[in-house]
Amino acid sequence: MRRQGGVLIQEVVAIPRSARRHKTTVLASEDITGHRHRIEDHRTVRIFSRRVGPGAELFLEVTAEKARVVHPEHETIVLPKGRYRVWRQREFEGSGARVVDD
């Protein structure tokens, strides 16, 4: 597992067949700062998502030997070739959960 601010990246055995490919390289965007957790070189990965209830699950496949996840306020993460699930950190409050902006 790897973490970059409010984003957690966990290796998985497979990406669900129901997941659909995206052309973006943004893993998460922060509303307050506008900063993005993103893949540095789009040629190194394929990004997928699937709808689950009111939300979505995000997956990525590193197709090159490695891919770099960059963010202006956090250390770069280097992911080796493989498949991953991307999680957004959430905070629970009395009224429910919200995604954390870091």
PDB file of N, CA and C in Angstrom:
ATOM      1  N   MET A   1       0.829  -1.180   0.000  1.00  0.00           N
ATOM      2  CA  MET A   1       0.000   0.000   0.000  1.00  0.00           C
ATOM      3  C   MET A   1       0.874   1.244   0.000  1.00  0.00           C
ATOM      4  N   ARG A   2       0.379   2.246  -0.683  1.00  0.00           N
ATOM      5  CA  ARG A   2       1.082   3.523  -0.712  1.00  0.00           C
ATOM      6  C   ARG A   2       0.072   4.632  -0.460  1.00  0.00           C
ATOM      7  N   ARG A   3       0.554   5.686   0.186  1.00  0.00           N
ATOM      8  CA  ARG A   3      -0.323   6.808   0.504  1.00  0.00           C
ATOM      9  C   ARG A   3       0.333   8.107   0.081  1.00  0.00           C
ATOM     10  N   GLN A   4      -0.484   8.993  -0.494  1.00  0.00           N
ATOM     11  CA  GLN A   4      -0.032  10.332  -0.856  1.00  0.00           C
ATOM     12  C   GLN A   4      -1.128  11.287  -0.410  1.00  0.00           C
ATOM     13  N   GLY A   5      -0.910  11.904   0.736  1.00  0.00           N
ATOM     14  CA  GLY A   5      -1.947  12.786   1.287  1.00  0.00           C
ATOM     15  C   GLY A   5      -3.212  12.003   1.560  1.00  0.00           C
ATOM     16  N   GLY A   6      -4.329  12.444   1.009  1.00  0.00           N
ATOM     17  CA  GLY A   6      -5.613  11.794   1.210  1.00  0.00           C
ATOM     18  C   GLY A   6      -5.921  10.699   0.219  1.00  0.00           C
ATOM     19  N   VAL A   7      -4.911  10.225  -0.515  1.00  0.00           N
ATOM     20  CA  VAL A   7      -5.102   9.166  -1.503  1.00  0.00           C
ATOM     21  C   VAL A   7      -4.321   7.933  -1.070  1.00  0.00           C
ATOM     22  N   LEU A   8      -4.996   6.791  -1.095  1.00  0.00           N
ATOM     23  CA  LEU A   8      -4.381   5.511  -0.770  1.00  0.00           C
ATOM     24  C   LEU A   8      -4.410   4.646  -2.017  1.00  0.00           C
ATOM     25  N   ILE A   9      -3.281   4.019  -2.343  1.00  0.00           N
ATOM     26  CA  ILE A   9      -3.193   3.173  -3.534  1.00  0.00           C
ATOM     27  C   ILE A   9      -2.806   1.774  -3.079  1.00  0.00           C
ATOM     28  N   GLN A  10      -3.673   0.805  -3.400  1.00  0.00           N
ATOM     29  CA  GLN A  10      -3.492  -0.571  -2.943  1.00  0.00           C
ATOM     30  C   GLN A  10      -3.442  -1.507  -4.150  1.00  0.00           C
ATOM     31  N   GLU A  11      -2.445  -2.391  -4.168  1.00  0.00           N
ATOM     32  CA  GLU A  11      -2.334  -3.359  -5.252  1.00  0.00           C
ATOM     33  C   GLU A  11      -3.496  -4.343  -5.180  1.00  0.00           C
ATOM     34  N   VAL A  12      -4.037  -4.721  -6.331  1.00  0.00           N
ATOM     35  CA  VAL A  12      -5.136  -5.685  -6.418  1.00  0.00           C
ATOM     36  C   VAL A  12      -4.769  -6.771  -7.422  1.00  0.00           C
ATOM     37  N   VAL A  13      -5.446  -7.899  -7.320  1.00  0.00           N
ATOM     38  CA  VAL A  13      -5.191  -9.016  -8.228  1.00  0.00           C
ATOM     39  C   VAL A  13      -5.699  -8.696  -9.631  1.00  0.00           C
ATOM     40  N   ALA A  14      -6.885  -8.087  -9.703  1.00  0.00           N
ATOM     41  CA  ALA A  14      -7.495  -7.804 -11.004  1.00  0.00           C
ATOM     42  C   ALA A  14      -8.352  -6.555 -10.920  1.00  0.00           C
ATOM     43  N   ILE A  15      -8.579  -5.957 -12.068  1.00  0.00           N
ATOM     44  CA  ILE A  15      -9.498  -4.830 -12.198  1.00  0.00           C
ATOM     45  C   ILE A  15     -10.842  -5.422 -12.626  1.00  0.00           C
ATOM     46  N   PRO A  16     -11.935  -5.059 -11.967  1.00  0.00           N
ATOM     47  CA  PRO A  16     -13.235  -5.639 -12.315  1.00  0.00           C
ATOM     48  C   PRO A  16     -13.574  -5.454 -13.800  1.00  0.00           C
ATOM     49  N   ARG A  17     -14.170  -6.473 -14.373  1.00  0.00           N
ATOM     50  CA  ARG A  17     -14.548  -6.407 -15.803  1.00  0.00           C
ATOM     51  C   ARG A  17     -15.566  -5.303 -16.071  1.00  0.00           C
ATOM     52  N   SER A  18     -16.338  -4.950 -15.057  1.00  0.00           N
ATOM     53  CA  SER A  18     -17.354  -3.912 -15.233  1.00  0.00           C
ATOM     54  C   SER A  18     -16.766  -2.499 -15.233  1.00  0.00           C
ATOM     55  N   ALA A  19     -15.490  -2.360 -14.893  1.00  0.00           N
ATOM     56  CA  ALA A  19     -14.841  -1.037 -14.883  1.00  0.00           C
ATOM     57  C   ALA A  19     -14.624  -0.563 -16.314  1.00  0.00           C
ATOM     58  N   ARG A  20     -14.817   0.710 -16.528  1.00  0.00           N
ATOM     59  CA  ARG A  20     -14.668   1.314 -17.860  1.00  0.00           C
ATOM     60  C   ARG A  20     -13.458   2.226 -17.892  1.00  0.00           C
ATOM     61  N   ARG A  21     -12.804   2.271 -19.032  1.00  0.00           N
ATOM     62  CA  ARG A  21     -11.569   3.032 -19.175  1.00  0.00           C
ATOM     63  C   ARG A  21     -11.844   4.532 -19.225  1.00  0.00           C
ATOM     64  N   HIS A  22     -10.917   5.298 -18.631  1.00  0.00           N
ATOM     65  CA  HIS A  22     -10.947   6.764 -18.648  1.00  0.00           C
ATOM     66  C   HIS A  22      -9.710   7.265 -19.378  1.00  0.00           C
ATOM     67  N   LYS A  23      -9.808   8.454 -19.930  1.00  0.00           N
ATOM     68  CA  LYS A  23      -8.655   9.046 -20.605  1.00  0.00           C
ATOM     69  C   LYS A  23      -7.872   9.972 -19.689  1.00  0.00           C
ATOM     70  N   THR A  24      -8.404  10.304 -18.538  1.00  0.00           N
ATOM     71  CA  THR A  24      -7.736  11.204 -17.602  1.00  0.00           C
ATOM     72  C   THR A  24      -6.584  10.498 -16.887  1.00  0.00           C
ATOM     73  N   THR A  25      -5.644  11.259 -16.391  1.00  0.00           N
ATOM     74  CA  THR A  25      -4.582  10.714 -15.543  1.00  0.00           C
ATOM     75  C   THR A  25      -4.681  11.271 -14.129  1.00  0.00           C
ATOM     76  N   VAL A  26      -5.790  11.940 -13.827  1.00  0.00           N
ATOM     77  CA  VAL A  26      -6.015  12.508 -12.497  1.00  0.00           C
ATOM     78  C   VAL A  26      -6.651  11.446 -11.609  1.00  0.00           C
ATOM     79  N   LEU A  27      -6.006  11.169 -10.481  1.00  0.00           N
ATOM     80  CA  LEU A  27      -6.537  10.198  -9.528  1.00  0.00           C
ATOM     81  C   LEU A  27      -7.460  10.868  -8.519  1.00  0.00           C
ATOM     82  N   ALA A  28      -7.165  12.107  -8.168  1.00  0.00           N
ATOM     83  CA  ALA A  28      -7.987  12.860  -7.226  1.00  0.00           C
ATOM     84  C   ALA A  28      -7.688  14.337  -7.401  1.00  0.00           C
ATOM     85  N   SER A  29      -8.716  15.149  -7.227  1.00  0.00           N
ATOM     86  CA  SER A  29      -8.586  16.596  -7.340  1.00  0.00           C
ATOM     87  C   SER A  29      -9.086  17.215  -6.045  1.00  0.00           C
ATOM     88  N   GLU A  30      -8.385  18.215  -5.556  1.00  0.00           N
ATOM     89  CA  GLU A  30      -8.751  18.854  -4.295  1.00  0.00           C
ATOM     90  C   GLU A  30      -9.530  20.130  -4.564  1.00  0.00           C
ATOM     91  N   ASP A  31     -10.702  20.223  -3.986  1.00  0.00           N
ATOM     92  CA  ASP A  31     -11.574  21.372  -4.218  1.00  0.00           C
ATOM     93  C   ASP A  31     -10.992  22.675  -3.702  1.00  0.00           C
ATOM     94  N   ILE A  32     -10.391  22.639  -2.523  1.00  0.00           N
ATOM     95  CA  ILE A  32      -9.920  23.875  -1.888  1.00  0.00           C
ATOM     96  C   ILE A  32      -8.696  24.448  -2.617  1.00  0.00           C
ATOM     97  N   THR A  33      -7.685  23.629  -2.869  1.00  0.00           N
ATOM     98  CA  THR A  33      -6.438  24.121  -3.458  1.00  0.00           C
ATOM     99  C   THR A  33      -6.392  24.005  -4.982  1.00  0.00           C
ATOM    100  N   GLY A  34      -7.212  23.102  -5.539  1.00  0.00           N
ATOM    101  CA  GLY A  34      -7.159  22.864  -6.974  1.00  0.00           C
ATOM    102  C   GLY A  34      -6.020  21.933  -7.374  1.00  0.00           C
ATOM    103  N   HIS A  35      -5.236  21.481  -6.394  1.00  0.00           N
ATOM    104  CA  HIS A  35      -4.140  20.558  -6.686  1.00  0.00           C
ATOM    105  C   HIS A  35      -4.687  19.189  -7.058  1.00  0.00           C
ATOM    106  N   ARG A  36      -3.876  18.448  -7.831  1.00  0.00           N
ATOM    107  CA  ARG A  36      -4.300  17.131  -8.289  1.00  0.00           C
ATOM    108  C   ARG A  36      -3.259  16.072  -7.976  1.00  0.00           C
ATOM    109  N   HIS A  37      -3.740  14.907  -7.588  1.00  0.00           N
ATOM    110  CA  HIS A  37      -2.909  13.707  -7.519  1.00  0.00           C
ATOM    111  C   HIS A  37      -3.042  13.107  -8.912  1.00  0.00           C
ATOM    112  N   ARG A  38      -1.947  13.031  -9.653  1.00  0.00           N
ATOM    113  CA  ARG A  38      -2.069  12.590 -11.039  1.00  0.00           C
ATOM    114  C   ARG A  38      -0.861  11.756 -11.455  1.00  0.00           C
ATOM    115  N   ILE A  39      -1.033  11.028 -12.535  1.00  0.00           N
ATOM    116  CA  ILE A  39       0.050  10.259 -13.123  1.00  0.00           C
ATOM    117  C   ILE A  39       0.875  11.215 -13.982  1.00  0.00           C
ATOM    118  N   GLU A  40       2.177  11.210 -13.784  1.00  0.00           N
ATOM    119  CA  GLU A  40       3.054  12.152 -14.484  1.00  0.00           C
ATOM    120  C   GLU A  40       3.057  11.931 -16.000  1.00  0.00           C
ATOM    121  N   ASP A  41       3.115  10.687 -16.445  1.00  0.00           N
ATOM    122  CA  ASP A  41       3.193  10.376 -17.877  1.00  0.00           C
ATOM    123  C   ASP A  41       2.033   9.461 -18.256  1.00  0.00           C
ATOM    124  N   HIS A  42       1.101   9.982 -19.028  1.00  0.00           N
ATOM    125  CA  HIS A  42      -0.110   9.234 -19.388  1.00  0.00           C
ATOM    126  C   HIS A  42       0.186   7.942 -20.136  1.00  0.00           C
ATOM    127  N   ARG A  43       1.354   7.825 -20.728  1.00  0.00           N
ATOM    128  CA  ARG A  43       1.686   6.619 -21.502  1.00  0.00           C
ATOM    129  C   ARG A  43       2.043   5.428 -20.619  1.00  0.00           C
ATOM    130  N   THR A  44       2.141   5.630 -19.308  1.00  0.00           N
ATOM    131  CA  THR A  44       2.577   4.561 -18.409  1.00  0.00           C
ATOM    132  C   THR A  44       1.426   3.819 -17.738  1.00  0.00           C
ATOM    133  N   VAL A  45       0.182   4.313 -17.891  1.00  0.00           N
ATOM    134  CA  VAL A  45      -0.951   3.709 -17.182  1.00  0.00           C
ATOM    135  C   VAL A  45      -2.222   3.692 -18.017  1.00  0.00           C
ATOM    136  N   ARG A  46      -3.171   2.909 -17.520  1.00  0.00           N
ATOM    137  CA  ARG A  46      -4.559   2.966 -17.977  1.00  0.00           C
ATOM    138  C   ARG A  46      -5.405   3.119 -16.719  1.00  0.00           C
ATOM    139  N   ILE A  47      -6.367   4.043 -16.750  1.00  0.00           N
ATOM    140  CA  ILE A  47      -7.222   4.341 -15.602  1.00  0.00           C
ATOM    141  C   ILE A  47      -8.632   3.808 -15.898  1.00  0.00           C
ATOM    142  N   PHE A  48      -9.249   3.220 -14.878  1.00  0.00           N
ATOM    143  CA  PHE A  48     -10.592   2.654 -15.001  1.00  0.00           C
ATOM    144  C   PHE A  48     -11.443   3.095 -13.813  1.00  0.00           C
ATOM    145  N   SER A  49     -12.760   3.124 -14.007  1.00  0.00           N
ATOM    146  CA  SER A  49     -13.664   3.351 -12.882  1.00  0.00           C
ATOM    147  C   SER A  49     -14.937   2.560 -13.108  1.00  0.00           C
ATOM    148  N   ARG A  50     -15.639   2.343 -12.005  1.00  0.00           N
ATOM    149  CA  ARG A  50     -16.963   1.721 -12.105  1.00  0.00           C
ATOM    150  C   ARG A  50     -17.863   2.330 -11.048  1.00  0.00           C
ATOM    151  N   ARG A  51     -19.128   2.466 -11.407  1.00  0.00           N
ATOM    152  CA  ARG A  51     -20.123   3.023 -10.503  1.00  0.00           C
ATOM    153  C   ARG A  51     -20.495   1.979  -9.472  1.00  0.00           C
ATOM    154  N   VAL A  52     -20.579   2.410  -8.231  1.00  0.00           N
ATOM    155  CA  VAL A  52     -21.013   1.555  -7.137  1.00  0.00           C
ATOM    156  C   VAL A  52     -21.942   2.396  -6.283  1.00  0.00           C
ATOM    157  N   GLY A  53     -23.216   2.126  -6.368  1.00  0.00           N
ATOM    158  CA  GLY A  53     -24.189   2.936  -5.634  1.00  0.00           C
ATOM    159  C   GLY A  53     -24.077   4.390  -6.059  1.00  0.00           C
ATOM    160  N   PRO A  54     -24.043   5.319  -5.085  1.00  0.00           N
ATOM    161  CA  PRO A  54     -23.960   6.738  -5.435  1.00  0.00           C
ATOM    162  C   PRO A  54     -22.538   7.194  -5.787  1.00  0.00           C
ATOM    163  N   GLY A  55     -21.538   6.337  -5.586  1.00  0.00           N
ATOM    164  CA  GLY A  55     -20.152   6.726  -5.823  1.00  0.00           C
ATOM    165  C   GLY A  55     -19.508   5.934  -6.949  1.00  0.00           C
ATOM    166  N   ALA A  56     -18.183   5.951  -6.964  1.00  0.00           N
ATOM    167  CA  ALA A  56     -17.434   5.233  -7.986  1.00  0.00           C
ATOM    168  C   ALA A  56     -16.166   4.672  -7.369  1.00  0.00           C
ATOM    169  N   GLU A  57     -15.669   3.596  -7.946  1.00  0.00           N
ATOM    170  CA  GLU A  57     -14.380   3.025  -7.567  1.00  0.00           C
ATOM    171  C   GLU A  57     -13.401   3.338  -8.689  1.00  0.00           C
ATOM    172  N   LEU A  58     -12.164   3.651  -8.327  1.00  0.00           N
ATOM    173  CA  LEU A  58     -11.143   4.006  -9.305  1.00  0.00           C
ATOM    174  C   LEU A  58     -10.016   2.972  -9.263  1.00  0.00           C
ATOM    175  N   PHE A  59      -9.568   2.563 -10.441  1.00  0.00           N
ATOM    176  CA  PHE A  59      -8.501   1.576 -10.577  1.00  0.00           C
ATOM    177  C   PHE A  59      -7.485   2.091 -11.580  1.00  0.00           C
ATOM    178  N   LEU A  60      -6.257   1.610 -11.464  1.00  0.00           N
ATOM    179  CA  LEU A  60      -5.261   1.927 -12.481  1.00  0.00           C
ATOM    180  C   LEU A  60      -4.397   0.709 -12.743  1.00  0.00           C
ATOM    181  N   GLU A  61      -3.945   0.622 -13.977  1.00  0.00           N
ATOM    182  CA  GLU A  61      -3.032  -0.440 -14.381  1.00  0.00           C
ATOM    183  C   GLU A  61      -1.762   0.225 -14.888  1.00  0.00           C
ATOM    184  N   VAL A  62      -0.650  -0.071 -14.239  1.00  0.00           N
ATOM    185  CA  VAL A  62       0.636   0.447 -14.694  1.00  0.00           C
ATOM    186  C   VAL A  62       1.112  -0.512 -15.782  1.00  0.00           C
ATOM    187  N   THR A  63       1.189  -0.017 -16.999  1.00  0.00           N
ATOM    188  CA  THR A  63       1.557  -0.855 -18.144  1.00  0.00           C
ATOM    189  C   THR A  63       3.045  -0.755 -18.474  1.00  0.00           C
ATOM    190  N   ALA A  64       3.697   0.282 -18.001  1.00  0.00           N
ATOM    191  CA  ALA A  64       5.143   0.447 -18.189  1.00  0.00           C
ATOM    192  C   ALA A  64       5.850  -0.212 -17.001  1.00  0.00           C
ATOM    193  N   GLU A  65       7.138  -0.171 -16.974  1.00  0.00           N
ATOM    194  CA  GLU A  65       7.885  -0.741 -15.851  1.00  0.00           C
ATOM    195  C   GLU A  65       7.581  -0.010 -14.547  1.00  0.00           C
ATOM    196  N   LYS A  66       7.245   1.294 -14.667  1.00  0.00           N
ATOM    197  CA  LYS A  66       6.883   2.080 -13.491  1.00  0.00           C
ATOM    198  C   LYS A  66       6.086   3.303 -13.921  1.00  0.00           C
ATOM    199  N   ALA A  67       5.339   3.842 -12.968  1.00  0.00           N
ATOM    200  CA  ALA A  67       4.597   5.083 -13.186  1.00  0.00           C
ATOM    201  C   ALA A  67       4.789   5.946 -11.952  1.00  0.00           C
ATOM    202  N   ARG A  68       4.770   7.254 -12.146  1.00  0.00           N
ATOM    203  CA  ARG A  68       4.976   8.188 -11.041  1.00  0.00           C
ATOM    204  C   ARG A  68       3.685   8.942 -10.759  1.00  0.00           C
ATOM    205  N   VAL A  69       3.273   8.933  -9.485  1.00  0.00           N
ATOM    206  CA  VAL A  69       2.108   9.701  -9.030  1.00  0.00           C
ATOM    207  C   VAL A  69       2.660  10.981  -8.405  1.00  0.00           C
ATOM    208  N   VAL A  70       2.260  12.126  -8.959  1.00  0.00           N
ATOM    209  CA  VAL A  70       2.812  13.406  -8.511  1.00  0.00           C
ATOM    210  C   VAL A  70       1.710  14.291  -7.924  1.00  0.00           C
ATOM    211  N   HIS A  71       2.152  15.182  -7.044  1.00  0.00           N
ATOM    212  CA  HIS A  71       1.296  16.177  -6.392  1.00  0.00           C
ATOM    213  C   HIS A  71       2.230  17.287  -5.914  1.00  0.00           C
ATOM    214  N   PRO A  72       1.850  18.564  -6.073  1.00  0.00           N
ATOM    215  CA  PRO A  72       2.766  19.650  -5.717  1.00  0.00           C
ATOM    216  C   PRO A  72       3.129  19.734  -4.232  1.00  0.00           C
ATOM    217  N   GLU A  73       2.332  19.153  -3.337  1.00  0.00           N
ATOM    218  CA  GLU A  73       2.611  19.272  -1.908  1.00  0.00           C
ATOM    219  C   GLU A  73       3.060  17.964  -1.257  1.00  0.00           C
ATOM    220  N   HIS A  74       3.207  16.898  -2.037  1.00  0.00           N
ATOM    221  CA  HIS A  74       3.567  15.597  -1.470  1.00  0.00           C
ATOM    222  C   HIS A  74       4.711  14.968  -2.252  1.00  0.00           C
ATOM    223  N   GLU A  75       5.396  14.052  -1.594  1.00  0.00           N
ATOM    224  CA  GLU A  75       6.471  13.319  -2.241  1.00  0.00           C
ATOM    225  C   GLU A  75       5.906  12.434  -3.348  1.00  0.00           C
ATOM    226  N   THR A  76       6.632  12.314  -4.444  1.00  0.00           N
ATOM    227  CA  THR A  76       6.218  11.481  -5.571  1.00  0.00           C
ATOM    228  C   THR A  76       6.217  10.007  -5.167  1.00  0.00           C
ATOM    229  N   ILE A  77       5.213   9.283  -5.635  1.00  0.00           N
ATOM    230  CA  ILE A  77       5.123   7.839  -5.429  1.00  0.00           C
ATOM    231  C   ILE A  77       5.482   7.158  -6.744  1.00  0.00           C
ATOM    232  N   VAL A  78       6.324   6.135  -6.676  1.00  0.00           N
ATOM    233  CA  VAL A  78       6.660   5.348  -7.860  1.00  0.00           C
ATOM    234  C   VAL A  78       5.976   3.997  -7.728  1.00  0.00           C
ATOM    235  N   LEU A  79       5.116   3.684  -8.704  1.00  0.00           N
ATOM    236  CA  LEU A  79       4.389   2.420  -8.709  1.00  0.00           C
ATOM    237  C   LEU A  79       5.002   1.481  -9.734  1.00  0.00           C
ATOM    238  N   PRO A  80       5.349   0.255  -9.356  1.00  0.00           N
ATOM    239  CA  PRO A  80       5.828  -0.712 -10.338  1.00  0.00           C
ATOM    240  C   PRO A  80       4.658  -1.256 -11.171  1.00  0.00           C
ATOM    241  N   LYS A  81       4.990  -1.883 -12.272  1.00  0.00           N
ATOM    242  CA  LYS A  81       3.998  -2.487 -13.151  1.00  0.00           C
ATOM    243  C   LYS A  81       3.035  -3.331 -12.321  1.00  0.00           C
ATOM    244  N   GLY A  82       1.735  -3.179 -12.565  1.00  0.00           N
ATOM    245  CA  GLY A  82       0.735  -3.930 -11.820  1.00  0.00           C
ATOM    246  C   GLY A  82      -0.617  -3.261 -11.879  1.00  0.00           C
ATOM    247  N   ARG A  83      -1.551  -3.776 -11.067  1.00  0.00           N
ATOM    248  CA  ARG A  83      -2.919  -3.264 -10.998  1.00  0.00           C
ATOM    249  C   ARG A  83      -3.185  -2.745  -9.592  1.00  0.00           C
ATOM    250  N   TYR A  84      -3.933  -1.644  -9.516  1.00  0.00           N
ATOM    251  CA  TYR A  84      -4.132  -0.969  -8.243  1.00  0.00           C
ATOM    252  C   TYR A  84      -5.554  -0.429  -8.118  1.00  0.00           C
ATOM    253  N   ARG A  85      -6.003  -0.310  -6.871  1.00  0.00           N
ATOM    254  CA  ARG A  85      -7.242   0.390  -6.557  1.00  0.00           C
ATOM    255  C   ARG A  85      -6.845   1.689  -5.876  1.00  0.00           C
ATOM    256  N   VAL A  86      -7.537   2.764  -6.200  1.00  0.00           N
ATOM    257  CA  VAL A  86      -7.261   4.083  -5.627  1.00  0.00           C
ATOM    258  C   VAL A  86      -8.413   4.441  -4.699  1.00  0.00           C
ATOM    259  N   TRP A  87      -8.069   4.751  -3.456  1.00  0.00           N
ATOM    260  CA  TRP A  87      -9.051   5.108  -2.441  1.00  0.00           C
ATOM    261  C   TRP A  87      -8.869   6.569  -2.057  1.00  0.00           C
ATOM    262  N   ARG A  88      -9.973   7.278  -1.809  1.00  0.00           N
ATOM    263  CA  ARG A  88      -9.932   8.627  -1.241  1.00  0.00           C
ATOM    264  C   ARG A  88     -10.192   8.515   0.247  1.00  0.00           C
ATOM    265  N   GLN A  89      -9.372   9.173   1.050  1.00  0.00           N
ATOM    266  CA  GLN A  89      -9.581   9.182   2.499  1.00  0.00           C
ATOM    267  C   GLN A  89     -10.865   9.948   2.812  1.00  0.00           C
ATOM    268  N   ARG A  90     -11.615   9.412   3.768  1.00  0.00           N
ATOM    269  CA  ARG A  90     -12.866  10.048   4.180  1.00  0.00           C
ATOM    270  C   ARG A  90     -12.839  10.333   5.675  1.00  0.00           C
ATOM    271  N   GLU A  91     -13.562  11.376   6.053  1.00  0.00           N
ATOM    272  CA  GLU A  91     -13.750  11.708   7.464  1.00  0.00           C
ATOM    273  C   GLU A  91     -15.226  11.505   7.781  1.00  0.00           C
ATOM    274  N   PHE A  92     -15.486  10.962   8.954  1.00  0.00           N
ATOM    275  CA  PHE A  92     -16.864  10.749   9.361  1.00  0.00           C
ATOM    276  C   PHE A  92     -17.250  11.797  10.389  1.00  0.00           C
ATOM    277  N   GLU A  93     -18.384  12.440  10.121  1.00  0.00           N
ATOM    278  CA  GLU A  93     -18.925  13.451  11.008  1.00  0.00           C
ATOM    279  C   GLU A  93     -20.339  13.030  11.396  1.00  0.00           C
ATOM    280  N   GLY A  94     -20.971  13.774  12.253  1.00  0.00           N
ATOM    281  CA  GLY A  94     -22.326  13.455  12.672  1.00  0.00           C
ATOM    282  C   GLY A  94     -23.310  13.320  11.524  1.00  0.00           C
ATOM    283  N   SER A  95     -23.110  14.100  10.469  1.00  0.00           N
ATOM    284  CA  SER A  95     -24.037  14.085   9.334  1.00  0.00           C
ATOM    285  C   SER A  95     -23.638  13.090   8.251  1.00  0.00           C
ATOM    286  N   GLY A  96     -22.527  12.378   8.423  1.00  0.00           N
ATOM    287  CA  GLY A  96     -22.093  11.403   7.415  1.00  0.00           C
ATOM    288  C   GLY A  96     -20.628  11.537   7.102  1.00  0.00           C
ATOM    289  N   ALA A  97     -20.239  10.994   5.958  1.00  0.00           N
ATOM    290  CA  ALA A  97     -18.826  10.990   5.552  1.00  0.00           C
ATOM    291  C   ALA A  97     -18.580  12.054   4.494  1.00  0.00           C
ATOM    292  N   ARG A  98     -17.339  12.538   4.478  1.00  0.00           N
ATOM    293  CA  ARG A  98     -16.933  13.472   3.423  1.00  0.00           C
ATOM    294  C   ARG A  98     -15.516  13.139   3.014  1.00  0.00           C
ATOM    295  N   VAL A  99     -15.183  13.413   1.755  1.00  0.00           N
ATOM    296  CA  VAL A  99     -13.823  13.175   1.240  1.00  0.00           C
ATOM    297  C   VAL A  99     -12.908  14.227   1.817  1.00  0.00           C
ATOM    298  N   VAL A 100     -11.719  13.818   2.231  1.00  0.00           N
ATOM    299  CA  VAL A 100     -10.733  14.708   2.840  1.00  0.00           C
ATOM    300  C   VAL A 100      -9.974  15.458   1.746  1.00  0.00           C
ATOM    301  N   ASP A 101      -9.875  16.769   1.880  1.00  0.00           N
ATOM    302  CA  ASP A 101      -8.985  17.576   1.046  1.00  0.00           C
ATOM    303  C   ASP A 101      -7.703  17.751   1.809  1.00  0.00           C
ATOM    304  N   ASP A 102      -6.560  17.409   1.185  1.00  0.00           N
ATOM    305  CA  ASP A 102      -5.303  17.550   1.922  1.00  0.00           C
ATOM    306  C   ASP A 102      -4.431  18.629   1.343  1.00  0.00           C
TER     307      ASP A 102
END
